Protein backbone atom coordinates (compact mmCIF):
# COMPACT_ATOMS: atom_id res chain seq x y z
CA UNK A 1 -41.50 103.56 -39.78
CA UNK A 2 -42.04 101.03 -37.02
CA UNK A 3 -40.25 97.70 -36.84
CA UNK A 4 -42.57 94.87 -35.91
CA UNK A 5 -40.85 92.13 -33.81
CA UNK A 6 -42.16 89.40 -36.13
CA UNK A 7 -40.39 91.02 -39.08
CA UNK A 8 -37.03 91.39 -37.34
CA UNK A 9 -36.90 87.77 -36.15
CA UNK A 10 -37.85 86.52 -39.63
CA UNK A 11 -34.97 88.43 -41.21
CA UNK A 12 -32.51 87.14 -38.61
CA UNK A 13 -33.53 83.52 -39.27
CA UNK A 14 -33.01 83.97 -43.00
CA UNK A 15 -29.54 85.50 -42.52
CA UNK A 16 -28.25 82.61 -40.37
CA UNK A 17 -26.56 79.67 -42.09
CA UNK A 18 -28.61 76.49 -42.18
CA UNK A 19 -25.78 74.19 -41.09
CA UNK A 20 -24.47 75.20 -37.68
CA UNK A 21 -21.59 73.43 -35.92
CA UNK A 22 -20.91 74.40 -32.34
CA UNK A 23 -17.47 75.32 -30.98
CA UNK A 24 -17.17 72.04 -29.13
CA UNK A 25 -17.35 70.12 -32.40
CA UNK A 26 -14.57 72.25 -33.93
CA UNK A 27 -12.41 71.76 -30.83
CA UNK A 28 -13.02 68.02 -30.81
CA UNK A 29 -12.22 67.76 -34.54
CA UNK A 30 -8.90 69.63 -34.31
CA UNK A 31 -7.94 67.76 -31.17
CA UNK A 32 -8.53 64.51 -33.06
CA UNK A 33 -6.46 65.71 -36.03
CA UNK A 34 -3.50 66.61 -33.81
CA UNK A 35 -3.83 63.39 -31.84
CA UNK A 36 -3.83 61.36 -35.06
CA UNK A 37 -0.75 63.22 -36.33
CA UNK A 38 0.98 62.62 -32.97
CA UNK A 39 0.24 58.88 -33.13
CA UNK A 40 1.32 58.63 -36.79
CA UNK A 41 4.57 60.43 -35.99
CA UNK A 42 5.54 58.23 -33.05
CA UNK A 43 4.54 54.95 -34.67
CA UNK A 44 6.42 55.86 -37.88
CA UNK A 45 3.38 55.15 -40.05
CA UNK A 46 4.26 58.28 -42.05
CA UNK A 47 8.05 58.65 -42.47
CA UNK A 48 9.52 62.10 -41.87
CA UNK A 49 11.59 63.60 -44.66
């Protein structure tokens, strides 16, 4: 049985998730979370137990 290129690309597009976030967005998000925690810690906005 032959695989036609049109069929293989169609299956790959269906398997991919519709919402894609690149690695830069993840890195930027976690950097922002740690930066916010750092600022909150040193300004004593959130008291440590």
